[in-house]
N, C-alpha and C. Protein backbone atom coordinates (compact mmCIF):
# COMPACT_ATOMS: atom_id res chain seq x y z
N MET A 1 -0.03 47.43 -2.15
CA MET A 1 -0.39 47.47 -3.36
C MET A 1 0.63 46.49 -4.22
N SER A 2 -0.29 45.73 -5.16
CA SER A 2 0.46 44.91 -5.85
C SER A 2 -0.20 44.87 -7.13
N ASP A 3 0.30 43.89 -8.10
CA ASP A 3 -0.47 44.04 -9.40
C ASP A 3 -1.76 43.50 -9.17
N GLY A 4 -2.13 42.60 -8.32
CA GLY A 4 -3.58 42.00 -8.12
C GLY A 4 -4.41 42.73 -7.21
N GLY A 5 -3.84 43.90 -6.73
CA GLY A 5 -4.87 44.87 -5.81
C GLY A 5 -4.01 44.94 -4.53
N LEU A 6 -4.70 44.82 -3.64
CA LEU A 6 -4.31 44.97 -2.20
C LEU A 6 -3.82 43.66 -1.73
N ALA A 7 -2.94 43.51 -0.96
CA ALA A 7 -2.04 42.35 -0.43
C ALA A 7 -1.79 42.34 0.77
N GLU A 8 -1.97 41.40 1.74
CA GLU A 8 -1.80 41.63 2.86
C GLU A 8 -0.05 41.67 3.33
N VAL A 9 0.09 42.51 4.43
CA VAL A 9 1.45 42.82 4.72
C VAL A 9 1.54 41.82 6.13
N THR A 10 2.23 40.77 6.02
CA THR A 10 2.25 39.81 7.26
C THR A 10 3.08 40.31 8.26
N ASN A 11 4.15 40.96 7.78
CA ASN A 11 4.99 41.52 8.86
C ASN A 11 5.57 42.97 8.64
N PRO A 12 4.74 43.91 8.87
CA PRO A 12 4.98 45.55 8.71
C PRO A 12 6.47 45.75 9.29
N SER A 13 6.73 45.17 10.33
CA SER A 13 8.26 45.78 10.74
C SER A 13 9.37 45.57 9.56
N ARG A 14 9.28 44.47 8.98
CA ARG A 14 10.47 44.30 7.58
C ARG A 14 10.20 45.70 7.00
N LEU A 15 9.18 46.35 6.92
CA LEU A 15 8.96 47.51 5.82
C LEU A 15 9.65 48.64 6.45
N PHE A 16 9.97 48.81 7.82
CA PHE A 16 10.66 50.11 8.09
C PHE A 16 12.20 49.71 9.07
N MET A 17 12.71 48.43 8.82
CA MET A 17 13.77 48.00 9.36
C MET A 17 14.97 48.38 8.42
N GLY A 18 14.93 48.44 7.17
CA GLY A 18 16.33 48.81 6.25
C GLY A 18 16.89 47.17 6.07
N SER A 19 17.77 47.37 5.27
CA SER A 19 18.59 46.15 5.00
C SER A 19 19.66 45.72 5.84
N ASN A 20 19.78 44.50 6.53
CA ASN A 20 20.88 44.44 7.26
C ASN A 20 22.12 43.77 6.49
N GLU A 21 22.19 43.53 5.55
CA GLU A 21 23.45 43.14 4.76
C GLU A 21 24.49 43.84 5.00
N ARG A 22 24.59 45.31 5.19
CA ARG A 22 25.46 45.83 5.59
C ARG A 22 25.27 46.82 6.62
N PRO A 23 25.65 46.67 8.03
CA PRO A 23 25.32 47.94 8.76
C PRO A 23 26.17 48.74 8.73
N THR A 24 25.62 50.18 9.13
CA THR A 24 26.63 51.23 8.77
C THR A 24 26.30 52.05 10.06
N PRO A 25 27.61 52.58 10.35
CA PRO A 25 27.25 53.58 11.74
C PRO A 25 25.95 54.70 11.39
N GLY A 26 25.43 54.80 12.66
CA GLY A 26 24.42 55.80 12.48
C GLY A 26 22.83 55.24 12.35
N THR A 27 22.85 53.74 12.33
CA THR A 27 21.57 53.38 12.54
C THR A 27 21.10 52.73 13.54
N ALA A 28 20.08 52.58 14.05
CA ALA A 28 19.69 52.08 15.26
C ALA A 28 18.03 51.45 15.04
N VAL A 29 17.86 50.27 15.71
CA VAL A 29 16.65 49.77 15.21
C VAL A 29 15.68 50.08 16.89
N PHE A 30 14.67 50.82 16.37
CA PHE A 30 13.69 51.44 17.54
C PHE A 30 12.67 50.33 18.03
N ALA A 31 12.49 49.78 18.84
CA ALA A 31 11.25 48.85 19.17
C ALA A 31 9.96 50.04 19.56
N GLY A 32 9.23 50.23 18.61
CA GLY A 32 8.10 50.86 19.05
C GLY A 32 6.60 50.46 18.79
N MET A 33 5.73 51.41 19.29
CA MET A 33 4.28 50.92 19.18
C MET A 33 3.74 51.80 18.20
N GLU A 34 2.68 51.44 17.48
CA GLU A 34 1.55 52.03 16.50
C GLU A 34 0.43 51.43 16.95
N GLY A 35 -0.15 52.29 17.96
CA GLY A 35 -1.37 51.92 18.65
C GLY A 35 -1.02 50.63 19.49
N THR A 36 -1.65 49.68 19.38
CA THR A 36 -1.44 48.24 20.18
C THR A 36 -0.40 47.13 19.41
N ARG A 37 -0.04 47.66 18.10
CA ARG A 37 1.04 46.93 17.42
C ARG A 37 2.39 47.12 17.60
N PRO A 38 3.40 46.49 18.21
CA PRO A 38 4.89 46.81 18.27
C PRO A 38 5.04 46.49 16.67
N LEU A 39 6.34 47.71 16.45
CA LEU A 39 6.99 47.67 15.37
C LEU A 39 8.37 47.92 15.54
N LEU A 40 9.18 47.43 14.67
CA LEU A 40 10.55 47.76 14.89
C LEU A 40 10.97 48.73 13.55
N ILE A 41 11.47 49.73 13.67
CA ILE A 41 11.81 50.93 12.98
C ILE A 41 13.19 51.03 12.99
N GLU A 42 13.77 51.38 11.75
CA GLU A 42 15.17 51.93 11.51
C GLU A 42 15.26 53.61 11.80
N VAL A 43 15.73 53.80 12.73
CA VAL A 43 16.33 55.28 13.07
C VAL A 43 17.68 55.73 12.39
N GLN A 44 17.62 56.50 11.60
CA GLN A 44 19.09 56.89 10.92
C GLN A 44 19.43 58.17 11.23
N ALA A 45 20.84 58.52 11.53
CA ALA A 45 21.57 59.77 11.70
C ALA A 45 22.78 60.03 10.98
N LEU A 46 22.89 61.18 10.84
CA LEU A 46 24.54 61.59 10.14
C LEU A 46 24.60 62.80 10.92
N VAL A 47 25.83 62.58 11.41
CA VAL A 47 26.40 63.60 12.18
C VAL A 47 27.82 63.72 11.32
N SER A 48 27.92 65.09 10.70
CA SER A 48 28.91 65.52 10.04
C SER A 48 29.33 66.86 10.40
N PRO A 49 30.80 67.37 10.32
CA PRO A 49 31.25 68.82 10.40
C PRO A 49 30.74 69.76 9.51
N SER A 50 30.21 70.58 10.20
CA SER A 50 29.47 71.75 9.66
C SER A 50 30.37 72.90 9.10
N PRO A 51 30.08 73.28 7.90
CA PRO A 51 31.22 74.38 7.36
C PRO A 51 30.51 75.66 7.93
N LEU A 52 29.39 75.66 8.58
CA LEU A 52 28.50 76.83 8.85
C LEU A 52 28.77 77.50 10.29
N GLY A 53 28.47 78.59 10.33
CA GLY A 53 28.55 79.30 11.70
C GLY A 53 27.57 78.59 12.85
N THR A 54 26.20 78.33 12.11
CA THR A 54 25.12 77.79 13.09
C THR A 54 24.97 76.31 12.29
N PRO A 55 25.25 75.30 12.69
CA PRO A 55 25.20 73.91 12.20
C PRO A 55 23.80 73.43 11.87
N ARG A 56 23.45 72.95 10.94
CA ARG A 56 22.00 72.33 10.58
C ARG A 56 21.49 71.39 11.56
N ARG A 57 20.19 71.23 12.01
CA ARG A 57 19.42 70.27 12.64
C ARG A 57 18.39 69.79 11.62
N THR A 58 18.38 68.92 11.00
CA THR A 58 17.24 68.34 9.90
C THR A 58 16.75 67.07 10.61
N THR A 59 15.44 67.10 10.83
CA THR A 59 14.86 65.64 10.95
C THR A 59 13.62 65.48 10.06
N VAL A 60 13.34 64.10 9.68
CA VAL A 60 12.45 63.72 8.99
C VAL A 60 11.84 62.60 9.99
N GLY A 61 10.34 62.76 10.36
CA GLY A 61 9.80 61.66 11.16
C GLY A 61 9.91 61.73 12.72
N TRP A 62 10.69 62.75 12.99
CA TRP A 62 10.70 62.82 14.30
C TRP A 62 10.80 64.32 14.74
N ASP A 63 10.29 64.88 16.12
CA ASP A 63 10.51 65.85 16.62
C ASP A 63 11.57 66.72 16.84
N SER A 64 11.75 68.09 16.20
CA SER A 64 13.22 68.49 16.33
C SER A 64 13.46 68.94 17.30
N ASN A 65 12.23 69.44 18.25
CA ASN A 65 12.49 69.86 19.72
C ASN A 65 12.86 68.67 20.48
N ARG A 66 12.46 67.84 20.11
CA ARG A 66 13.09 66.45 20.99
C ARG A 66 14.49 66.12 20.88
N LEU A 67 14.84 66.11 19.55
CA LEU A 67 16.29 66.09 19.19
C LEU A 67 17.20 67.09 19.77
N ALA A 68 16.70 68.50 19.81
CA ALA A 68 17.41 69.67 20.80
C ALA A 68 18.04 69.11 22.30
N MET A 69 16.73 68.28 22.77
CA MET A 69 16.43 67.89 24.08
C MET A 69 17.76 66.62 24.28
N VAL A 70 17.63 65.86 23.45
CA VAL A 70 18.52 64.70 23.49
C VAL A 70 20.20 65.24 23.24
N LEU A 71 20.21 66.18 22.01
CA LEU A 71 21.37 66.54 22.12
C LEU A 71 22.11 67.31 23.21
N ALA A 72 21.20 68.23 24.04
CA ALA A 72 21.46 68.98 25.11
C ALA A 72 22.06 67.82 26.38
N VAL A 73 21.05 66.91 26.40
CA VAL A 73 21.34 65.80 27.60
C VAL A 73 22.91 65.15 27.11
N LEU A 74 22.84 64.62 26.15
CA LEU A 74 24.18 64.04 25.61
C LEU A 74 25.45 64.97 26.09
N GLU A 75 25.52 66.06 25.98
CA GLU A 75 26.49 67.29 25.85
C GLU A 75 26.76 67.39 27.58
N ALA A 76 25.52 67.91 28.31
CA ALA A 76 25.56 68.26 29.56
C ALA A 76 25.64 67.08 30.58
N ARG A 77 25.20 66.16 30.30
CA ARG A 77 25.24 65.03 31.15
C ARG A 77 26.54 63.88 30.86
N ALA A 78 26.87 63.60 29.57
CA ALA A 78 27.79 62.75 29.12
C ALA A 78 29.00 63.28 28.52
N GLY A 79 29.07 64.61 28.37
CA GLY A 79 30.20 65.20 27.97
C GLY A 79 30.46 65.01 26.31
N VAL A 80 29.37 64.67 25.73
CA VAL A 80 29.44 64.35 24.27
C VAL A 80 29.52 65.62 23.53
N VAL A 81 30.59 66.06 22.66
CA VAL A 81 30.29 67.27 22.16
C VAL A 81 29.95 66.94 20.63
N ILE A 82 28.90 67.41 20.55
CA ILE A 82 28.31 67.15 19.18
C ILE A 82 27.76 68.59 18.46
N GLY A 83 27.72 69.75 19.31
CA GLY A 83 27.40 70.87 18.96
C GLY A 83 27.90 71.21 17.73
N PRO A 84 28.95 71.56 17.36
CA PRO A 84 29.56 72.10 15.99
C PRO A 84 29.19 71.26 15.04
N ASN A 85 28.68 70.14 14.78
CA ASN A 85 28.38 69.65 13.57
C ASN A 85 26.81 69.57 13.19
N ASP A 86 26.65 69.56 12.04
CA ASP A 86 25.18 69.31 11.08
C ASP A 86 24.77 67.96 11.53
N ILE A 87 23.38 68.11 12.14
CA ILE A 87 22.72 66.71 12.73
C ILE A 87 21.43 66.34 11.47
N TYR A 88 21.65 65.31 10.86
CA TYR A 88 20.31 64.89 9.90
C TYR A 88 19.74 63.80 10.83
N LEU A 89 18.52 63.60 10.90
CA LEU A 89 17.94 62.52 11.43
C LEU A 89 16.70 62.13 10.81
N ASN A 90 16.50 60.77 10.51
CA ASN A 90 15.59 60.27 9.33
C ASN A 90 14.95 58.93 10.35
N VAL A 91 13.70 59.06 10.12
CA VAL A 91 12.96 57.67 10.67
C VAL A 91 12.52 56.88 9.12
N ALA A 92 12.89 55.80 9.06
CA ALA A 92 12.80 55.24 7.87
C ALA A 92 11.42 54.64 7.32
N GLY A 93 11.13 54.43 6.10
CA GLY A 93 9.72 54.07 5.73
C GLY A 93 8.64 55.27 5.93
N GLY A 94 9.15 56.79 6.01
CA GLY A 94 8.00 57.51 5.92
C GLY A 94 7.26 57.75 7.18
N LEU A 95 7.68 56.65 8.29
CA LEU A 95 6.82 56.75 9.48
C LEU A 95 6.75 57.91 10.29
N ARG A 96 5.97 58.39 11.03
CA ARG A 96 6.11 59.67 12.18
C ARG A 96 6.16 59.01 13.53
N VAL A 97 7.42 59.23 14.15
CA VAL A 97 7.55 58.64 15.65
C VAL A 97 7.26 60.01 16.50
N ARG A 98 6.01 59.85 17.33
CA ARG A 98 5.98 61.02 18.44
C ARG A 98 6.30 60.50 19.85
N ALA A 99 6.48 59.28 20.06
CA ALA A 99 6.67 58.50 21.41
C ALA A 99 8.42 58.99 22.13
N PRO A 100 8.29 59.48 23.13
CA PRO A 100 9.56 59.58 23.79
C PRO A 100 10.21 58.39 23.87
N ALA A 101 9.57 57.14 23.65
CA ALA A 101 10.30 55.97 23.72
C ALA A 101 11.56 55.75 22.72
N ALA A 102 11.43 56.60 21.80
CA ALA A 102 12.43 56.58 20.65
C ALA A 102 13.59 57.38 21.12
N ASP A 103 13.81 57.98 22.17
CA ASP A 103 14.79 58.78 22.74
C ASP A 103 16.14 58.31 22.67
N LEU A 104 16.19 56.91 23.32
CA LEU A 104 17.35 56.07 23.48
C LEU A 104 17.87 55.55 22.26
N ALA A 105 16.93 55.36 21.28
CA ALA A 105 17.30 54.87 19.77
C ALA A 105 17.85 56.08 18.96
N VAL A 106 17.57 56.88 19.41
CA VAL A 106 17.91 58.56 18.73
C VAL A 106 19.31 58.63 19.03
N ALA A 107 19.54 58.70 20.41
CA ALA A 107 20.92 58.68 21.20
C ALA A 107 21.79 57.86 20.49
N ALA A 108 21.51 56.52 20.60
CA ALA A 108 22.60 55.60 19.97
C ALA A 108 22.76 55.76 18.79
N ALA A 109 22.02 56.43 17.60
CA ALA A 109 22.15 56.45 16.37
C ALA A 109 23.02 57.75 16.32
N LEU A 110 22.82 58.69 16.89
CA LEU A 110 23.72 59.89 17.10
C LEU A 110 25.04 59.41 17.48
N LEU A 111 25.37 58.93 18.67
CA LEU A 111 26.66 58.40 18.92
C LEU A 111 27.43 57.57 18.24
N SER A 112 26.68 56.48 17.33
CA SER A 112 27.09 55.62 16.35
C SER A 112 27.62 56.17 15.30
N SER A 113 26.84 57.45 14.66
CA SER A 113 27.46 58.02 13.68
C SER A 113 28.45 58.83 13.98
N LEU A 114 28.62 59.81 15.30
CA LEU A 114 29.55 60.53 15.69
C LEU A 114 31.00 59.87 15.50
N THR A 115 30.82 58.56 16.33
CA THR A 115 32.17 57.78 16.48
C THR A 115 32.40 56.81 15.25
N GLY A 116 31.53 56.69 14.51
CA GLY A 116 31.73 55.51 13.47
C GLY A 116 31.66 54.35 13.74
N THR A 117 31.04 54.16 14.80
CA THR A 117 30.61 52.53 15.22
C THR A 117 29.43 52.32 14.98
N VAL A 118 29.42 50.56 14.56
CA VAL A 118 28.27 50.05 14.00
C VAL A 118 27.30 49.49 15.23
N ILE A 119 26.46 49.96 15.36
CA ILE A 119 25.51 49.11 16.67
C ILE A 119 25.21 47.79 15.85
N PRO A 120 25.75 46.44 16.87
CA PRO A 120 25.43 45.35 16.26
C PRO A 120 24.11 44.80 15.94
N PRO A 121 24.05 44.25 14.73
CA PRO A 121 22.88 44.05 13.85
C PRO A 121 22.37 43.22 14.91
N GLY A 122 20.92 43.09 14.89
CA GLY A 122 20.09 42.59 15.72
C GLY A 122 20.00 42.82 17.00
N THR A 123 20.04 44.35 17.09
CA THR A 123 19.94 45.04 18.45
C THR A 123 18.82 45.89 18.32
N ALA A 124 17.96 45.93 19.24
CA ALA A 124 16.72 46.53 19.51
C ALA A 124 17.05 47.60 20.47
N VAL A 125 16.89 49.15 20.48
CA VAL A 125 16.81 49.85 21.44
C VAL A 125 15.84 51.11 21.72
N PHE A 126 15.33 50.93 22.95
CA PHE A 126 14.06 51.85 23.40
C PHE A 126 14.25 52.31 24.81
N GLY A 127 13.51 53.57 25.13
CA GLY A 127 13.68 54.04 26.18
C GLY A 127 13.79 55.54 26.07
N GLU A 128 13.21 56.06 27.38
CA GLU A 128 13.02 57.52 27.30
C GLU A 128 14.18 58.13 28.24
N ILE A 129 14.57 59.28 27.58
CA ILE A 129 15.76 59.92 28.24
C ILE A 129 15.33 61.64 29.07
N ALA A 130 15.42 61.35 30.63
CA ALA A 130 15.03 62.44 31.09
C ALA A 130 15.88 63.65 30.98
N LEU A 131 15.88 64.70 31.57
CA LEU A 131 16.85 66.06 31.45
C LEU A 131 17.80 65.57 32.43
N SER A 132 17.61 64.91 33.37
CA SER A 132 18.75 64.37 34.32
C SER A 132 19.87 63.40 33.86
N GLY A 133 19.46 62.88 32.54
CA GLY A 133 20.17 61.77 31.87
C GLY A 133 20.07 60.57 32.43
N ALA A 134 18.90 60.36 33.36
CA ALA A 134 18.51 58.95 33.40
C ALA A 134 17.89 58.48 32.31
N ILE A 135 17.38 57.04 32.44
CA ILE A 135 16.95 56.59 31.23
C ILE A 135 15.76 55.81 31.70
N ARG A 136 14.37 56.38 31.39
CA ARG A 136 13.36 55.88 32.12
C ARG A 136 12.57 54.61 31.31
N PRO A 137 11.84 53.64 31.99
CA PRO A 137 11.26 52.58 31.10
C PRO A 137 10.08 53.08 30.50
N VAL A 138 9.53 52.42 29.49
CA VAL A 138 8.29 52.90 28.71
C VAL A 138 7.40 51.82 28.63
N GLY A 139 5.91 52.21 28.33
CA GLY A 139 5.06 50.93 28.56
C GLY A 139 5.42 50.15 27.36
N GLN A 140 4.60 49.13 27.33
CA GLN A 140 4.47 47.78 27.03
C GLN A 140 5.85 47.32 26.48
N THR A 141 6.86 47.05 27.40
CA THR A 141 8.10 46.74 27.28
C THR A 141 8.05 45.18 26.72
N GLU A 142 7.10 44.35 27.40
CA GLU A 142 7.22 42.86 27.15
C GLU A 142 6.75 42.96 25.64
N ALA A 143 5.87 43.46 25.01
CA ALA A 143 5.18 43.37 23.48
C ALA A 143 6.60 43.80 22.53
N ARG A 144 7.14 44.87 23.06
CA ARG A 144 8.40 45.31 22.08
C ARG A 144 9.33 44.12 22.17
N LEU A 145 9.74 43.69 23.29
CA LEU A 145 10.68 42.80 23.33
C LEU A 145 10.34 41.43 22.59
N LYS A 146 8.96 41.15 22.63
CA LYS A 146 8.48 39.92 22.04
C LYS A 146 8.71 40.22 20.48
N GLU A 147 8.49 41.26 19.80
CA GLU A 147 8.32 41.69 18.57
C GLU A 147 9.93 41.53 18.10
N ALA A 148 10.65 42.06 19.08
CA ALA A 148 12.21 41.69 18.61
C ALA A 148 12.66 40.39 18.60
N GLN A 149 12.28 39.79 19.63
CA GLN A 149 12.55 38.00 19.51
C GLN A 149 11.97 37.37 18.21
N LYS A 150 10.75 37.92 17.87
CA LYS A 150 9.99 37.23 16.85
C LYS A 150 10.84 37.50 15.48
N LEU A 151 11.33 38.48 15.36
CA LEU A 151 11.90 38.95 14.32
C LEU A 151 13.42 38.60 13.99
N GLY A 152 13.81 37.73 15.14
CA GLY A 152 15.19 37.34 15.09
C GLY A 152 16.23 38.31 15.77
N LEU A 153 16.03 39.35 16.30
CA LEU A 153 16.98 40.11 16.95
C LEU A 153 17.77 39.34 18.09
N LYS A 154 18.68 39.65 18.65
CA LYS A 154 19.37 38.91 19.63
C LYS A 154 19.85 39.93 21.03
N GLU A 155 19.57 40.99 20.70
CA GLU A 155 19.92 41.97 22.17
C GLU A 155 18.89 43.03 22.27
N ALA A 156 18.61 43.59 23.44
CA ALA A 156 17.58 44.60 23.59
C ALA A 156 18.40 45.64 24.52
N VAL A 157 18.47 46.68 24.21
CA VAL A 157 19.20 47.92 25.03
C VAL A 157 17.90 48.61 25.58
N ILE A 158 17.81 48.57 26.71
CA ILE A 158 16.50 48.97 27.58
C ILE A 158 16.84 49.83 28.98
N ALA A 159 15.69 50.48 29.51
CA ALA A 159 15.80 51.31 30.74
C ALA A 159 16.30 50.01 31.84
N ALA A 160 17.08 50.25 32.76
CA ALA A 160 17.15 49.27 34.00
C ALA A 160 16.21 48.78 34.76
N ALA A 161 15.23 50.00 35.08
CA ALA A 161 13.95 50.09 35.97
C ALA A 161 13.00 49.51 35.22
N ALA A 162 12.94 49.06 33.90
CA ALA A 162 11.92 48.36 32.92
C ALA A 162 11.67 46.82 33.57
N GLU A 163 10.37 46.69 33.62
CA GLU A 163 9.89 45.16 33.98
C GLU A 163 10.11 44.49 32.67
N GLN A 164 10.99 43.34 32.80
CA GLN A 164 11.23 42.44 31.80
C GLN A 164 11.47 40.89 32.14
N GLN A 165 10.69 40.32 31.50
CA GLN A 165 10.85 38.67 31.91
C GLN A 165 12.02 38.28 30.55
N GLY A 166 12.79 37.30 30.89
CA GLY A 166 13.58 36.70 30.20
C GLY A 166 12.78 35.94 28.78
N LEU A 167 13.27 36.46 27.80
CA LEU A 167 12.74 35.70 26.52
C LEU A 167 14.16 34.91 26.05
N LYS A 168 13.76 33.68 25.66
CA LYS A 168 14.63 32.69 25.35
C LYS A 168 15.59 33.18 23.88
N GLY A 169 16.58 33.49 23.83
CA GLY A 169 17.48 34.05 22.67
C GLY A 169 17.66 35.58 22.54
N LEU A 170 16.93 36.39 23.47
CA LEU A 170 17.22 37.58 23.96
C LEU A 170 17.69 38.01 24.73
N ARG A 171 18.91 38.69 24.68
CA ARG A 171 20.05 39.28 25.73
C ARG A 171 19.48 40.64 26.03
N ILE A 172 19.32 40.93 27.50
CA ILE A 172 18.77 42.18 27.47
C ILE A 172 20.10 43.12 28.26
N LYS A 173 20.09 44.35 27.70
CA LYS A 173 21.37 45.08 28.32
C LYS A 173 20.42 46.13 29.10
N PRO A 174 20.49 46.61 30.44
CA PRO A 174 19.83 47.30 31.19
C PRO A 174 20.82 48.70 31.42
N LEU A 175 20.21 49.83 30.84
CA LEU A 175 21.13 50.96 31.23
C LEU A 175 20.23 51.86 32.22
N GLU A 176 20.94 52.54 33.13
CA GLU A 176 20.38 53.22 34.00
C GLU A 176 20.39 54.87 33.50
N THR A 177 21.55 55.36 33.00
CA THR A 177 21.89 56.79 32.59
C THR A 177 22.35 56.64 31.16
N ILE A 178 22.39 57.88 30.58
CA ILE A 178 22.92 58.13 29.48
C ILE A 178 24.40 57.86 29.49
N MET A 179 25.20 58.12 30.67
CA MET A 179 26.58 57.60 30.48
C MET A 179 26.81 55.97 30.21
N ASP A 180 25.75 55.44 30.85
CA ASP A 180 25.64 53.84 30.49
C ASP A 180 25.37 53.62 28.87
N LEU A 181 24.79 54.51 28.39
CA LEU A 181 24.81 54.05 26.64
C LEU A 181 26.14 54.88 26.10
N VAL A 182 26.74 55.74 26.66
CA VAL A 182 27.91 56.13 26.01
C VAL A 182 28.80 54.88 26.08
N ALA A 183 29.16 54.33 27.44
CA ALA A 183 30.14 53.48 27.86
C ALA A 183 29.75 52.24 27.04
N TRP A 184 28.49 51.93 26.48
CA TRP A 184 27.90 50.56 25.89
C TRP A 184 28.40 50.84 24.41
N SER A 185 28.36 52.21 23.74
CA SER A 185 28.78 52.34 22.74
C SER A 185 30.12 52.13 22.45
N ALA A 186 31.08 52.94 23.60
CA ALA A 186 32.39 52.90 23.54
C ALA A 186 32.79 51.23 23.39
N ALA A 187 32.08 50.39 24.07
CA ALA A 187 32.34 49.25 24.25
C ALA A 187 32.24 48.40 22.68
N GLN A 188 31.46 48.80 22.14
CA GLN A 188 31.15 48.18 20.57
C GLN A 188 32.27 48.68 20.01
N ASP A 189 32.72 50.19 19.85
CA ASP A 189 33.84 50.59 19.05
C ASP A 189 35.01 49.84 19.56
N ARG A 190 35.37 49.38 20.55
CA ARG A 190 36.48 48.52 20.99
C ARG A 190 36.56 47.26 20.41
N GLY A 191 35.31 46.55 20.46
CA GLY A 191 34.90 45.40 19.82
C GLY A 191 35.33 45.22 18.52
N GLN A 192 34.83 46.24 17.72
CA GLN A 192 35.13 46.39 16.43
C GLN A 192 36.50 46.64 15.70
N ARG A 193 37.32 47.45 16.66
CA ARG A 193 38.70 47.62 16.45
C ARG A 193 39.46 46.32 16.54
N ARG A 194 39.24 45.25 17.66
CA ARG A 194 39.82 44.20 17.76
C ARG A 194 39.28 43.20 16.56
N ILE A 195 38.45 43.41 16.06
CA ILE A 195 37.96 42.31 14.87
C ILE A 195 38.66 42.93 13.75
N ALA A 196 38.80 44.35 13.49
CA ALA A 196 39.39 44.87 12.03
C ALA A 196 40.93 44.54 12.39
């Protein structure tokens, strides 16, 4: 809505991605689908020590039961201790994400916030996390990757089993398990320490 009435939104993904000026720990770009339209959506996580006996779990725009499952898999399958912390999870722009395809982006944002590591700007993340810790491919992978490429992203972190065609200018980082995500996140941390 503008002063002159309704105006066309030519690129809806820009509304949900946040600002790229200063990347911060705890944010990941999820390549999602709204019907048949691919959208890039910023997922924000804040992990902080809890002063309470029972830590808070607050979600806006995502299912709290799904968050509990992702946290359990991170702890049981990857040894990442998050339990004693308060966790706040937000989907930017007021969008409600119901797809399990966001699991990997949520896990990446949680790890980023926990370790203080920035996910490299220009990285899209999507995939479903199984209770076994395996990362499963999701539908419409090609459409998601094309949207990421169209908006200038340089890397996509996805399930290794996903069918993907090489898109010019977009590197694919295939992951098989949640442990691979933890290793990828640790590699980002080491790279940032070398730069600093």
